[in-house]
């Protein structure tokens, strides 16, 4: 399960700077200023966590795949099925 999160975290960390992350949030209609954290890494983790909690993780992964196709992002539905735990 954590390997899938690593793929999206690494894709955003490697593929986006702070301004691009702000644009990503804007395109997803997420207020970047309300995401906890001051560093790029903390903002990225907050964005991914926010998307998981708000059932928008697939939307996030699809958007990042579209913008940064060179990164191999694995999508696994969250929350995982009870059988997967």
N, C-alpha and C. Protein backbone atom coordinates (compact mmCIF):
# COMPACT_ATOMS: atom_id res chain seq x y z
N UNK A 1 0.83 -1.19 0.00
CA UNK A 1 0.00 0.00 0.00
C UNK A 1 0.88 1.26 0.00
N UNK A 2 1.96 1.25 0.77
CA UNK A 2 2.79 2.44 0.85
C UNK A 2 3.58 2.70 -0.42
N UNK A 3 3.87 1.66 -1.19
CA UNK A 3 4.59 1.85 -2.45
C UNK A 3 3.77 2.69 -3.42
N UNK A 4 2.46 2.53 -3.41
CA UNK A 4 1.60 3.31 -4.28
C UNK A 4 1.65 4.79 -3.88
N UNK A 5 1.63 5.05 -2.58
CA UNK A 5 1.74 6.44 -2.12
C UNK A 5 3.11 7.00 -2.47
N UNK A 6 4.14 6.19 -2.36
CA UNK A 6 5.48 6.64 -2.72
C UNK A 6 5.55 7.09 -4.17
N UNK A 7 4.83 6.39 -5.06
CA UNK A 7 4.91 6.74 -6.48
C UNK A 7 4.32 8.12 -6.74
N UNK A 8 3.18 8.46 -6.12
CA UNK A 8 2.59 9.79 -6.34
C UNK A 8 3.41 10.86 -5.62
N UNK A 9 3.89 10.56 -4.42
CA UNK A 9 4.71 11.53 -3.70
C UNK A 9 5.99 11.85 -4.46
N UNK A 10 6.64 10.83 -4.98
CA UNK A 10 7.88 11.03 -5.71
C UNK A 10 7.65 11.77 -7.03
N UNK A 11 6.55 11.44 -7.72
CA UNK A 11 6.25 12.12 -8.98
C UNK A 11 6.03 13.61 -8.76
N UNK A 12 5.29 13.96 -7.72
CA UNK A 12 5.04 15.38 -7.46
C UNK A 12 6.31 16.06 -6.96
N UNK A 13 7.03 15.39 -6.06
CA UNK A 13 8.27 15.97 -5.51
C UNK A 13 9.30 16.22 -6.62
N UNK A 14 9.42 15.27 -7.55
CA UNK A 14 10.42 15.40 -8.61
C UNK A 14 9.94 16.26 -9.78
N UNK A 15 8.62 16.30 -9.96
CA UNK A 15 8.11 16.95 -11.15
C UNK A 15 7.55 18.35 -10.98
N UNK A 16 7.43 18.81 -9.74
CA UNK A 16 6.81 20.11 -9.49
C UNK A 16 7.66 20.95 -8.55
N UNK A 17 7.74 22.23 -8.85
CA UNK A 17 8.30 23.17 -7.88
C UNK A 17 7.13 23.80 -7.13
N UNK A 18 7.39 24.73 -6.22
CA UNK A 18 6.32 25.29 -5.39
C UNK A 18 5.27 26.02 -6.23
N UNK A 19 5.69 26.77 -7.24
CA UNK A 19 4.73 27.47 -8.09
C UNK A 19 3.87 26.49 -8.88
N UNK A 20 4.49 25.44 -9.39
CA UNK A 20 3.73 24.43 -10.13
C UNK A 20 2.78 23.68 -9.21
N UNK A 21 3.18 23.47 -7.97
CA UNK A 21 2.29 22.83 -7.00
C UNK A 21 1.08 23.73 -6.73
N UNK A 22 1.32 25.03 -6.62
CA UNK A 22 0.21 25.97 -6.44
C UNK A 22 -0.75 25.91 -7.62
N UNK A 23 -0.19 25.83 -8.83
CA UNK A 23 -1.03 25.71 -10.03
C UNK A 23 -1.81 24.40 -10.04
N UNK A 24 -1.16 23.32 -9.61
CA UNK A 24 -1.85 22.03 -9.53
C UNK A 24 -3.03 22.13 -8.57
N UNK A 25 -2.81 22.72 -7.41
CA UNK A 25 -3.89 22.90 -6.44
C UNK A 25 -5.01 23.76 -7.04
N UNK A 26 -4.64 24.82 -7.73
CA UNK A 26 -5.63 25.69 -8.36
C UNK A 26 -6.47 24.92 -9.38
N UNK A 27 -5.80 24.12 -10.20
CA UNK A 27 -6.52 23.33 -11.22
C UNK A 27 -7.46 22.31 -10.58
N UNK A 28 -7.09 21.83 -9.39
CA UNK A 28 -7.93 20.86 -8.68
C UNK A 28 -8.94 21.55 -7.76
N UNK A 29 -8.95 22.88 -7.77
CA UNK A 29 -9.84 23.67 -6.92
C UNK A 29 -9.62 23.36 -5.44
N UNK A 30 -8.34 23.31 -5.07
CA UNK A 30 -7.93 23.09 -3.68
C UNK A 30 -7.16 24.33 -3.25
N UNK A 31 -7.53 24.90 -2.13
CA UNK A 31 -6.85 26.10 -1.63
C UNK A 31 -5.51 25.70 -1.03
N UNK A 32 -4.46 25.96 -1.75
CA UNK A 32 -3.10 25.57 -1.33
C UNK A 32 -2.72 26.23 -0.01
N UNK A 33 -3.23 27.41 0.25
CA UNK A 33 -2.88 28.10 1.49
C UNK A 33 -3.46 27.41 2.72
N UNK A 34 -4.48 26.60 2.54
CA UNK A 34 -5.07 25.87 3.66
C UNK A 34 -4.41 24.51 3.90
N UNK A 35 -3.48 24.13 3.04
CA UNK A 35 -2.75 22.88 3.24
C UNK A 35 -1.63 23.13 4.24
N UNK A 36 -1.54 22.32 5.29
CA UNK A 36 -0.47 22.51 6.28
C UNK A 36 0.92 22.33 5.67
N UNK A 37 1.87 23.04 6.22
CA UNK A 37 3.26 22.88 5.82
C UNK A 37 3.80 24.11 5.12
N UNK A 38 5.09 24.34 5.31
CA UNK A 38 5.75 25.48 4.68
C UNK A 38 6.72 25.05 3.60
N UNK A 39 7.20 23.82 3.66
CA UNK A 39 8.15 23.35 2.66
C UNK A 39 7.39 22.62 1.56
N UNK A 40 8.05 22.47 0.43
CA UNK A 40 7.44 21.78 -0.71
C UNK A 40 7.04 20.36 -0.33
N UNK A 41 7.93 19.64 0.35
CA UNK A 41 7.63 18.25 0.73
C UNK A 41 6.42 18.15 1.64
N UNK A 42 6.32 19.06 2.60
CA UNK A 42 5.18 19.01 3.52
C UNK A 42 3.88 19.39 2.82
N UNK A 43 3.94 20.35 1.90
CA UNK A 43 2.74 20.72 1.13
C UNK A 43 2.28 19.55 0.26
N UNK A 44 3.23 18.83 -0.32
CA UNK A 44 2.89 17.69 -1.17
C UNK A 44 2.21 16.60 -0.34
N UNK A 45 2.78 16.27 0.81
CA UNK A 45 2.15 15.26 1.67
C UNK A 45 0.76 15.71 2.09
N UNK A 46 0.61 16.98 2.41
CA UNK A 46 -0.70 17.50 2.80
C UNK A 46 -1.70 17.41 1.65
N UNK A 47 -1.25 17.71 0.45
CA UNK A 47 -2.13 17.62 -0.72
C UNK A 47 -2.59 16.19 -0.95
N UNK A 48 -1.68 15.24 -0.90
CA UNK A 48 -2.04 13.84 -1.11
C UNK A 48 -2.99 13.38 -0.01
N UNK A 49 -2.70 13.71 1.23
CA UNK A 49 -3.56 13.34 2.35
C UNK A 49 -4.95 13.97 2.19
N UNK A 50 -4.98 15.23 1.82
CA UNK A 50 -6.25 15.94 1.59
C UNK A 50 -7.08 15.21 0.52
N UNK A 51 -6.43 14.83 -0.55
CA UNK A 51 -7.14 14.15 -1.65
C UNK A 51 -7.66 12.78 -1.22
N UNK A 52 -6.89 12.07 -0.42
CA UNK A 52 -7.35 10.77 0.08
C UNK A 52 -8.57 10.97 0.98
N UNK A 53 -8.49 11.91 1.91
CA UNK A 53 -9.59 12.13 2.85
C UNK A 53 -10.86 12.62 2.17
N UNK A 54 -10.71 13.30 1.04
CA UNK A 54 -11.87 13.87 0.35
C UNK A 54 -12.25 13.10 -0.91
N UNK A 55 -11.80 11.86 -0.98
CA UNK A 55 -12.13 10.98 -2.12
C UNK A 55 -11.77 11.60 -3.46
N UNK A 56 -10.61 12.25 -3.51
CA UNK A 56 -10.14 12.88 -4.74
C UNK A 56 -8.77 12.36 -5.16
N UNK A 57 -8.37 11.25 -4.55
CA UNK A 57 -7.04 10.70 -4.83
C UNK A 57 -6.91 10.30 -6.29
N UNK A 58 -7.94 9.67 -6.86
CA UNK A 58 -7.90 9.27 -8.27
C UNK A 58 -7.80 10.50 -9.17
N UNK A 59 -8.53 11.53 -8.83
CA UNK A 59 -8.47 12.78 -9.60
C UNK A 59 -7.05 13.35 -9.57
N UNK A 60 -6.43 13.34 -8.40
CA UNK A 60 -5.05 13.82 -8.27
C UNK A 60 -4.11 12.98 -9.12
N UNK A 61 -4.17 11.67 -8.98
CA UNK A 61 -3.24 10.81 -9.75
C UNK A 61 -3.47 10.96 -11.25
N UNK A 62 -4.72 11.04 -11.67
CA UNK A 62 -5.00 11.22 -13.10
C UNK A 62 -4.43 12.53 -13.62
N UNK A 63 -4.58 13.59 -12.83
CA UNK A 63 -4.09 14.90 -13.25
C UNK A 63 -2.57 14.92 -13.33
N UNK A 64 -1.91 14.35 -12.33
CA UNK A 64 -0.44 14.31 -12.34
C UNK A 64 0.05 13.45 -13.50
N UNK A 65 -0.60 12.33 -13.76
CA UNK A 65 -0.22 11.49 -14.91
C UNK A 65 -0.34 12.26 -16.22
N UNK A 66 -1.38 13.07 -16.33
CA UNK A 66 -1.59 13.86 -17.53
C UNK A 66 -0.52 14.93 -17.68
N UNK A 67 -0.19 15.60 -16.60
CA UNK A 67 0.80 16.68 -16.64
C UNK A 67 2.24 16.18 -16.69
N UNK A 68 2.50 15.06 -16.05
CA UNK A 68 3.87 14.53 -15.95
C UNK A 68 3.87 13.05 -16.35
N UNK A 69 3.67 12.76 -17.63
CA UNK A 69 3.53 11.36 -18.06
C UNK A 69 4.80 10.51 -17.91
N UNK A 70 5.94 11.14 -17.73
CA UNK A 70 7.17 10.35 -17.62
C UNK A 70 7.28 9.60 -16.29
N UNK A 71 6.47 9.99 -15.30
CA UNK A 71 6.51 9.33 -14.00
C UNK A 71 5.53 8.16 -13.97
N UNK A 72 5.97 7.06 -13.40
CA UNK A 72 5.13 5.86 -13.30
C UNK A 72 4.35 5.93 -12.00
N UNK A 73 3.10 6.31 -12.11
CA UNK A 73 2.25 6.46 -10.93
C UNK A 73 1.25 5.31 -10.89
N UNK A 74 1.24 4.61 -9.78
CA UNK A 74 0.32 3.51 -9.58
C UNK A 74 -0.88 4.02 -8.81
N UNK A 75 -2.07 3.73 -9.32
CA UNK A 75 -3.28 4.13 -8.60
C UNK A 75 -3.84 2.93 -7.86
N UNK A 76 -4.06 3.10 -6.58
CA UNK A 76 -4.74 2.10 -5.76
C UNK A 76 -5.84 2.84 -5.04
N UNK A 77 -7.08 2.35 -5.13
CA UNK A 77 -8.17 3.06 -4.47
C UNK A 77 -7.95 3.17 -2.96
N UNK A 78 -8.27 4.34 -2.43
CA UNK A 78 -8.21 4.56 -0.98
C UNK A 78 -9.60 4.95 -0.52
N UNK A 79 -10.09 4.46 0.57
CA UNK A 79 -9.42 3.51 1.44
C UNK A 79 -9.37 2.14 0.78
N UNK A 80 -8.37 1.33 1.14
CA UNK A 80 -8.26 0.00 0.54
C UNK A 80 -9.41 -0.89 0.96
N UNK A 81 -9.63 -1.92 0.18
CA UNK A 81 -10.65 -2.91 0.54
C UNK A 81 -10.27 -3.60 1.84
N UNK A 82 -11.27 -4.00 2.60
CA UNK A 82 -11.01 -4.69 3.87
C UNK A 82 -10.16 -5.93 3.66
N UNK A 83 -10.33 -6.59 2.53
CA UNK A 83 -9.58 -7.81 2.24
C UNK A 83 -8.11 -7.53 2.01
N UNK A 84 -7.76 -6.28 1.66
CA UNK A 84 -6.37 -5.93 1.38
C UNK A 84 -5.58 -5.57 2.64
N UNK A 85 -6.28 -5.41 3.75
CA UNK A 85 -5.60 -4.99 4.99
C UNK A 85 -5.08 -6.18 5.76
